[in-house]
Amino acid sequence: MREQYSFADLNDQPELLEDLQQLEQKIEQQLGRTVNLIAFTPDSSIESDVSNEQHDPDDQSP
């Protein structure tokens, strides 16, 4: 099963954005090249659809 993701809304979390930017800078210093960190979150509408699916009890697939 493949989950779908959306960008995490961090607009109201300036301290988290600052933490991410500091981590990007630290990684850039260690690697010697630019790194961009992207925050994703599972798409809740997809999760609820998946959790409501009915599964065949005889199905042996993971």
Protein backbone atom coordinates (compact mmCIF):
# COMPACT_ATOMS: atom_id res chain seq x y z
CA MET A 1 0.00 0.00 0.00
CA ARG A 2 1.32 3.43 -0.94
CA GLU A 3 0.46 6.40 1.26
CA GLN A 4 -0.04 9.84 -0.20
CA TYR A 5 1.47 12.87 1.46
CA SER A 6 0.90 16.61 1.57
CA PHE A 7 3.20 19.42 2.63
CA ALA A 8 3.06 19.92 6.39
CA ASP A 9 1.66 23.34 7.30
CA LEU A 10 4.33 24.89 9.49
CA ASN A 11 3.31 28.51 8.91
CA ASP A 12 2.13 28.91 12.51
CA GLN A 13 5.25 27.19 13.89
CA PRO A 14 8.14 29.65 13.37
CA GLU A 15 10.34 27.85 15.90
CA LEU A 16 10.02 24.59 13.94
CA LEU A 17 10.88 26.38 10.70
CA GLU A 18 13.94 27.86 12.39
CA ASP A 19 14.98 24.39 13.62
CA LEU A 20 14.69 23.02 10.08
CA GLN A 21 16.74 25.90 8.68
CA GLN A 22 19.45 25.39 11.30
CA LEU A 23 19.58 21.68 10.49
CA GLU A 24 19.84 22.48 6.76
CA GLN A 25 22.82 24.74 7.53
CA LYS A 26 24.49 22.07 9.68
CA ILE A 27 24.06 19.42 6.98
CA GLU A 28 25.33 21.84 4.32
CA GLN A 29 28.47 22.53 6.38
CA GLN A 30 29.17 18.82 6.80
CA LEU A 31 28.41 17.81 3.20
CA GLY A 32 29.71 20.91 1.47
CA ARG A 33 26.57 21.33 -0.62
CA THR A 34 23.07 22.72 -0.21
CA VAL A 35 20.42 20.48 1.32
CA ASN A 36 16.73 21.36 1.51
CA LEU A 37 14.59 19.59 4.09
CA ILE A 38 10.91 19.21 3.24
CA ALA A 39 8.21 18.43 5.81
CA PHE A 40 5.45 16.10 4.64
CA THR A 41 2.49 14.66 6.49
CA PRO A 42 0.31 11.69 5.52
CA ASP A 43 -2.80 12.90 3.73
CA SER A 44 -5.49 12.33 6.38
CA SER A 45 -8.29 12.02 3.85
CA ILE A 46 -6.41 9.19 2.14
CA GLU A 47 -5.66 7.51 5.49
CA SER A 48 -9.31 7.47 6.49
CA ASP A 49 -10.29 6.04 3.11
CA VAL A 50 -7.68 3.29 3.46
CA SER A 51 -8.68 2.45 7.04
CA ASN A 52 -12.33 2.14 5.97
CA GLU A 53 -11.57 -0.32 3.17
CA GLN A 54 -12.81 -3.85 3.68
CA HIS A 55 -10.18 -6.53 3.21
CA ASP A 56 -10.66 -10.10 2.08
CA PRO A 57 -9.69 -12.33 5.07
CA ASP A 58 -8.38 -14.97 2.64
CA ASP A 59 -6.02 -12.48 1.02
CA GLN A 60 -2.47 -13.38 2.08
CA SER A 61 -0.82 -10.25 0.63
CA PRO A 62 0.85 -7.84 3.10
